[in-house]
N, C-alpha and C. Protein backbone atom coordinates (compact mmCIF):
# COMPACT_ATOMS: atom_id res chain seq x y z
N UNK A 1 13.30 19.10 10.43
CA UNK A 1 12.58 18.01 9.82
C UNK A 1 13.50 17.29 8.85
N UNK A 2 13.47 15.98 8.90
CA UNK A 2 14.32 15.19 8.01
C UNK A 2 13.71 15.14 6.62
N UNK A 3 14.59 15.14 5.64
CA UNK A 3 14.14 15.07 4.26
C UNK A 3 13.72 13.64 3.94
N UNK A 4 12.59 13.49 3.30
CA UNK A 4 12.06 12.17 2.97
C UNK A 4 12.54 11.76 1.57
N UNK A 5 12.86 10.50 1.45
CA UNK A 5 13.22 9.94 0.15
C UNK A 5 11.97 9.77 -0.69
N UNK A 6 12.16 9.63 -1.99
CA UNK A 6 11.03 9.41 -2.89
C UNK A 6 10.37 8.07 -2.60
N UNK A 7 11.15 7.10 -2.12
CA UNK A 7 10.58 5.78 -1.82
C UNK A 7 9.58 5.87 -0.68
N UNK A 8 9.84 6.75 0.27
CA UNK A 8 8.91 6.94 1.39
C UNK A 8 7.58 7.48 0.88
N UNK A 9 7.62 8.42 -0.04
CA UNK A 9 6.39 8.98 -0.58
C UNK A 9 5.68 7.98 -1.49
N UNK A 10 6.44 7.12 -2.16
CA UNK A 10 5.82 6.08 -2.98
C UNK A 10 5.04 5.12 -2.09
N UNK A 11 5.61 4.75 -0.96
CA UNK A 11 4.91 3.85 -0.03
C UNK A 11 3.65 4.52 0.50
N UNK A 12 3.74 5.77 0.90
CA UNK A 12 2.57 6.48 1.42
C UNK A 12 1.49 6.60 0.34
N UNK A 13 1.89 6.99 -0.86
CA UNK A 13 0.91 7.16 -1.94
C UNK A 13 0.25 5.87 -2.37
N UNK A 14 1.05 4.82 -2.56
CA UNK A 14 0.47 3.55 -2.99
C UNK A 14 -0.40 2.94 -1.90
N UNK A 15 0.01 3.03 -0.65
CA UNK A 15 -0.82 2.52 0.44
C UNK A 15 -2.13 3.29 0.53
N UNK A 16 -2.07 4.60 0.36
CA UNK A 16 -3.30 5.41 0.41
C UNK A 16 -4.25 5.03 -0.72
N UNK A 17 -3.72 4.85 -1.92
CA UNK A 17 -4.57 4.47 -3.05
C UNK A 17 -5.20 3.10 -2.85
N UNK A 18 -4.43 2.14 -2.37
CA UNK A 18 -4.95 0.80 -2.17
C UNK A 18 -6.01 0.78 -1.07
N UNK A 19 -5.75 1.46 0.03
CA UNK A 19 -6.73 1.51 1.13
C UNK A 19 -8.00 2.23 0.67
N UNK A 20 -7.86 3.33 -0.07
CA UNK A 20 -9.03 4.05 -0.56
C UNK A 20 -9.85 3.17 -1.52
N UNK A 21 -9.17 2.43 -2.38
CA UNK A 21 -9.87 1.52 -3.31
C UNK A 21 -10.62 0.44 -2.53
N UNK A 22 -9.98 -0.15 -1.52
CA UNK A 22 -10.63 -1.19 -0.73
C UNK A 22 -11.85 -0.64 0.02
N UNK A 23 -11.72 0.54 0.59
CA UNK A 23 -12.85 1.15 1.30
C UNK A 23 -13.99 1.45 0.33
N UNK A 24 -13.67 1.91 -0.87
CA UNK A 24 -14.70 2.21 -1.87
C UNK A 24 -15.42 0.93 -2.31
N UNK A 25 -14.67 -0.14 -2.52
CA UNK A 25 -15.29 -1.41 -2.92
C UNK A 25 -16.16 -1.95 -1.80
N UNK A 26 -15.73 -1.80 -0.56
CA UNK A 26 -16.55 -2.23 0.58
C UNK A 26 -17.83 -1.41 0.62
N UNK A 27 -17.71 -0.12 0.41
CA UNK A 27 -18.88 0.75 0.39
C UNK A 27 -19.85 0.34 -0.71
N UNK A 28 -19.35 0.08 -1.92
CA UNK A 28 -20.21 -0.34 -3.02
C UNK A 28 -20.86 -1.68 -2.74
N UNK A 29 -20.14 -2.60 -2.12
CA UNK A 29 -20.71 -3.90 -1.79
C UNK A 29 -21.82 -3.80 -0.77
N UNK A 30 -21.64 -2.93 0.21
CA UNK A 30 -22.69 -2.73 1.22
C UNK A 30 -23.91 -2.08 0.58
N UNK A 31 -23.68 -1.11 -0.30
CA UNK A 31 -24.80 -0.46 -0.98
C UNK A 31 -25.56 -1.43 -1.87
N UNK A 32 -24.87 -2.36 -2.50
CA UNK A 32 -25.51 -3.33 -3.38
C UNK A 32 -26.14 -4.48 -2.61
N UNK A 33 -25.80 -4.64 -1.35
CA UNK A 33 -26.35 -5.72 -0.54
C UNK A 33 -25.58 -7.02 -0.68
N UNK A 34 -24.44 -6.99 -1.34
CA UNK A 34 -23.62 -8.19 -1.52
C UNK A 34 -22.52 -8.18 -0.47
N UNK A 35 -22.64 -9.03 0.54
CA UNK A 35 -21.67 -9.05 1.62
C UNK A 35 -20.81 -10.32 1.59
N UNK A 36 -20.81 -11.04 0.48
CA UNK A 36 -20.06 -12.30 0.40
C UNK A 36 -18.56 -12.09 0.31
N UNK A 37 -18.11 -11.18 -0.52
CA UNK A 37 -16.67 -11.01 -0.75
C UNK A 37 -16.06 -9.81 -0.07
N UNK A 38 -16.76 -9.20 0.85
CA UNK A 38 -16.24 -7.99 1.48
C UNK A 38 -15.11 -8.26 2.46
N UNK A 39 -15.02 -9.46 2.98
CA UNK A 39 -13.98 -9.77 3.96
C UNK A 39 -12.59 -9.69 3.34
N UNK A 40 -12.47 -10.06 2.06
CA UNK A 40 -11.15 -10.03 1.41
C UNK A 40 -10.68 -8.58 1.23
N UNK A 41 -11.61 -7.69 0.87
CA UNK A 41 -11.24 -6.28 0.73
C UNK A 41 -10.96 -5.64 2.08
N UNK A 42 -11.67 -6.10 3.11
CA UNK A 42 -11.39 -5.61 4.46
C UNK A 42 -10.00 -6.04 4.91
N UNK A 43 -9.64 -7.29 4.61
CA UNK A 43 -8.32 -7.79 5.00
C UNK A 43 -7.21 -7.03 4.26
N UNK A 44 -7.37 -6.83 2.95
CA UNK A 44 -6.35 -6.10 2.20
C UNK A 44 -6.28 -4.64 2.63
N UNK A 45 -7.43 -4.04 2.91
CA UNK A 45 -7.44 -2.67 3.39
C UNK A 45 -6.70 -2.54 4.71
N UNK A 46 -6.93 -3.49 5.61
CA UNK A 46 -6.23 -3.46 6.89
C UNK A 46 -4.74 -3.70 6.70
N UNK A 47 -4.39 -4.65 5.83
CA UNK A 47 -2.99 -4.98 5.59
C UNK A 47 -2.22 -3.78 5.04
N UNK A 48 -2.80 -3.07 4.10
CA UNK A 48 -2.10 -1.94 3.49
C UNK A 48 -2.25 -0.65 4.29
N UNK A 49 -3.12 -0.64 5.30
CA UNK A 49 -3.22 0.54 6.15
C UNK A 49 -2.10 0.58 7.19
N UNK A 50 -1.50 -0.56 7.49
CA UNK A 50 -0.43 -0.60 8.49
C UNK A 50 0.77 0.25 8.08
N UNK A 51 1.36 0.06 6.87
CA UNK A 51 2.49 0.94 6.52
C UNK A 51 2.09 2.41 6.39
N UNK A 52 0.84 2.65 5.99
CA UNK A 52 0.37 4.02 5.89
C UNK A 52 0.31 4.66 7.27
N UNK A 53 -0.25 3.97 8.24
CA UNK A 53 -0.36 4.53 9.59
C UNK A 53 1.01 4.69 10.24
N UNK A 54 1.92 3.75 10.01
CA UNK A 54 3.27 3.87 10.57
C UNK A 54 3.99 5.07 9.96
N UNK A 55 3.86 5.26 8.66
CA UNK A 55 4.50 6.40 8.00
C UNK A 55 3.92 7.72 8.50
N UNK A 56 2.61 7.77 8.66
CA UNK A 56 1.99 8.99 9.18
C UNK A 56 2.42 9.25 10.62
N UNK A 57 2.56 8.20 11.42
CA UNK A 57 3.03 8.37 12.79
C UNK A 57 4.45 8.91 12.82
N UNK A 58 5.30 8.46 11.89
CA UNK A 58 6.67 9.00 11.80
C UNK A 58 6.65 10.48 11.46
N UNK A 59 5.81 10.87 10.53
CA UNK A 59 5.73 12.28 10.14
C UNK A 59 5.25 13.13 11.31
N UNK A 60 4.21 12.65 12.01
CA UNK A 60 3.69 13.39 13.16
C UNK A 60 4.72 13.45 14.28
N UNK A 61 5.46 12.35 14.49
CA UNK A 61 6.46 12.31 15.56
C UNK A 61 7.60 13.28 15.31
N UNK A 62 7.91 13.55 14.05
CA UNK A 62 8.98 14.51 13.75
C UNK A 62 8.54 15.94 14.02
N UNK A 63 7.25 16.23 13.87
CA UNK A 63 6.78 17.61 14.01
C UNK A 63 6.30 17.93 15.42
N UNK A 64 5.79 16.94 16.13
CA UNK A 64 5.20 17.19 17.44
C UNK A 64 6.09 16.60 18.52
N UNK A 65 6.55 17.39 19.49
CA UNK A 65 7.45 16.87 20.53
C UNK A 65 6.81 15.81 21.41
N UNK A 66 5.50 15.91 21.64
CA UNK A 66 4.83 14.91 22.47
C UNK A 66 4.83 13.54 21.79
N UNK A 67 4.52 13.51 20.50
CA UNK A 67 4.57 12.24 19.77
C UNK A 67 6.00 11.74 19.63
N UNK A 68 6.95 12.66 19.54
CA UNK A 68 8.35 12.26 19.45
C UNK A 68 8.78 11.57 20.74
N UNK A 69 8.30 12.04 21.89
CA UNK A 69 8.61 11.37 23.16
C UNK A 69 8.01 9.97 23.19
N UNK A 70 6.77 9.84 22.72
CA UNK A 70 6.12 8.52 22.68
C UNK A 70 6.88 7.59 21.76
N UNK A 71 7.30 8.10 20.60
CA UNK A 71 8.03 7.28 19.64
C UNK A 71 9.38 6.85 20.22
N UNK A 72 10.09 7.77 20.84
CA UNK A 72 11.40 7.44 21.41
C UNK A 72 11.25 6.44 22.55
N UNK A 73 10.22 6.61 23.37
CA UNK A 73 10.00 5.68 24.48
C UNK A 73 9.58 4.30 23.96
N UNK A 74 8.76 4.25 22.93
CA UNK A 74 8.29 2.96 22.40
C UNK A 74 9.41 2.19 21.74
N UNK A 75 10.31 2.88 21.04
CA UNK A 75 11.38 2.18 20.35
C UNK A 75 12.60 1.98 21.22
N UNK A 76 12.78 2.82 22.22
CA UNK A 76 13.92 2.69 23.11
C UNK A 76 15.20 3.26 22.57
N UNK A 77 15.16 3.83 21.41
CA UNK A 77 16.36 4.44 20.82
C UNK A 77 15.92 5.55 19.90
N UNK A 78 16.88 6.22 19.33
CA UNK A 78 16.57 7.28 18.39
C UNK A 78 15.96 6.68 17.13
N UNK A 79 15.01 7.37 16.54
CA UNK A 79 14.39 6.83 15.34
C UNK A 79 15.39 6.80 14.18
N UNK A 80 15.33 5.74 13.44
CA UNK A 80 16.15 5.65 12.23
C UNK A 80 15.27 5.20 11.09
N UNK A 81 15.66 5.56 9.93
CA UNK A 81 14.85 5.25 8.76
C UNK A 81 15.14 3.85 8.24
N UNK A 82 14.11 3.24 7.73
CA UNK A 82 14.25 1.96 7.07
C UNK A 82 14.28 2.22 5.58
N UNK A 83 15.36 1.88 4.91
CA UNK A 83 15.42 2.17 3.48
C UNK A 83 14.54 1.22 2.68
N UNK A 84 14.06 1.70 1.56
CA UNK A 84 13.26 0.90 0.64
C UNK A 84 14.21 0.28 -0.36
N UNK A 85 14.56 -1.01 -0.14
CA UNK A 85 15.53 -1.68 -1.00
C UNK A 85 14.92 -3.01 -1.45
N UNK A 86 14.22 -3.04 -2.59
CA UNK A 86 13.69 -4.31 -3.06
C UNK A 86 14.81 -5.18 -3.62
N UNK A 87 14.68 -6.46 -3.43
CA UNK A 87 15.69 -7.38 -3.91
C UNK A 87 15.41 -7.71 -5.38
N UNK A 88 16.42 -8.22 -6.05
CA UNK A 88 16.31 -8.44 -7.48
C UNK A 88 15.25 -9.48 -7.81
N UNK A 89 15.07 -10.51 -6.98
CA UNK A 89 14.09 -11.54 -7.29
C UNK A 89 12.66 -11.03 -7.10
N UNK A 90 12.47 -10.10 -6.19
CA UNK A 90 11.15 -9.50 -6.03
C UNK A 90 10.82 -8.65 -7.25
N UNK A 91 11.78 -7.87 -7.69
CA UNK A 91 11.56 -7.04 -8.88
C UNK A 91 11.36 -7.91 -10.12
N UNK A 92 12.11 -9.01 -10.22
CA UNK A 92 11.93 -9.91 -11.35
C UNK A 92 10.54 -10.54 -11.31
N UNK A 93 10.08 -10.92 -10.14
CA UNK A 93 8.75 -11.49 -10.01
C UNK A 93 7.67 -10.50 -10.39
N UNK A 94 7.81 -9.27 -9.93
CA UNK A 94 6.84 -8.23 -10.29
C UNK A 94 6.85 -7.99 -11.79
N UNK A 95 8.04 -7.99 -12.39
CA UNK A 95 8.15 -7.78 -13.84
C UNK A 95 7.46 -8.90 -14.61
N UNK A 96 7.71 -10.16 -14.23
CA UNK A 96 7.12 -11.28 -14.95
C UNK A 96 5.61 -11.37 -14.73
N UNK A 97 5.13 -11.05 -13.55
CA UNK A 97 3.70 -11.04 -13.31
C UNK A 97 3.04 -9.93 -14.13
N UNK A 98 3.65 -8.75 -14.15
CA UNK A 98 3.11 -7.66 -14.95
C UNK A 98 3.12 -8.00 -16.43
N UNK A 99 4.20 -8.60 -16.90
CA UNK A 99 4.29 -8.99 -18.30
C UNK A 99 3.24 -10.03 -18.66
N UNK A 100 3.02 -11.00 -17.79
CA UNK A 100 2.00 -12.01 -18.06
C UNK A 100 0.59 -11.43 -18.02
N UNK A 101 0.35 -10.45 -17.14
CA UNK A 101 -0.96 -9.80 -17.12
C UNK A 101 -1.21 -9.02 -18.40
N UNK A 102 -0.20 -8.31 -18.86
CA UNK A 102 -0.34 -7.58 -20.13
C UNK A 102 -0.59 -8.55 -21.27
N UNK A 103 0.12 -9.69 -21.28
CA UNK A 103 -0.08 -10.70 -22.32
C UNK A 103 -1.50 -11.25 -22.29
N UNK A 104 -2.02 -11.55 -21.11
CA UNK A 104 -3.38 -12.09 -20.99
C UNK A 104 -4.42 -11.06 -21.45
N UNK A 105 -4.21 -9.79 -21.10
CA UNK A 105 -5.15 -8.76 -21.53
C UNK A 105 -5.14 -8.60 -23.04
N UNK A 106 -3.96 -8.56 -23.64
CA UNK A 106 -3.86 -8.44 -25.10
C UNK A 106 -4.44 -9.67 -25.77
N UNK A 107 -4.18 -10.85 -25.25
CA UNK A 107 -4.73 -12.08 -25.81
C UNK A 107 -6.25 -12.08 -25.74
N UNK A 108 -6.81 -11.62 -24.63
CA UNK A 108 -8.26 -11.54 -24.51
C UNK A 108 -8.88 -10.55 -25.47
N UNK A 109 -8.23 -9.41 -25.65
CA UNK A 109 -8.73 -8.42 -26.60
C UNK A 109 -8.68 -8.95 -28.02
N UNK A 110 -7.56 -9.58 -28.38
CA UNK A 110 -7.46 -10.14 -29.74
C UNK A 110 -8.44 -11.27 -29.96
N UNK A 111 -8.68 -12.11 -28.95
CA UNK A 111 -9.65 -13.20 -29.08
C UNK A 111 -11.06 -12.63 -29.26
N UNK A 112 -11.36 -11.54 -28.57
CA UNK A 112 -12.67 -10.92 -28.70
C UNK A 112 -12.85 -10.28 -30.09
N UNK A 113 -11.78 -9.68 -30.60
CA UNK A 113 -11.87 -9.01 -31.91
C UNK A 113 -11.91 -9.98 -33.07
N UNK A 114 -11.38 -11.18 -32.91
CA UNK A 114 -11.35 -12.14 -34.03
C UNK A 114 -12.59 -13.02 -34.07
N UNK A 115 -13.54 -12.84 -33.17
CA UNK A 115 -14.78 -13.64 -33.22
C UNK A 115 -15.65 -13.26 -34.34
C-alpha cells in the first residue's frame, strides 16, 4: 500500500465535512418544509462529493485487485498520484477572503455592542 500524503487526507476530510454539512442542511430544510434553497446545497454537496468519491476509489483500488484492474483499464496506465500544490495567488485569495470575513465579523460584533 502506498503511503498517503497529509494533503490527501486533508482533501478527504474537508470533502467529507462539506458533504455531511450539505446533507444535514438538506435534511433540515426538508423537515422544515422549506424547499426553496435546497438546490444550492444539493449542487455543493454533489460538487464536493466528486473528489471524495475519487479518493475513496483510489484507496479501494489499492487494496482490492479487482478494483485495481478496473482502475488500470479505465486509465490505460499505471496509477499515479496528483500532488496537492496550490498556487500562490489562490492562497493569497483565500487569505484575503478569510481576513475580510474576520474583519466583517468583528465589525458586526463591535457595532452590536456599541448600540
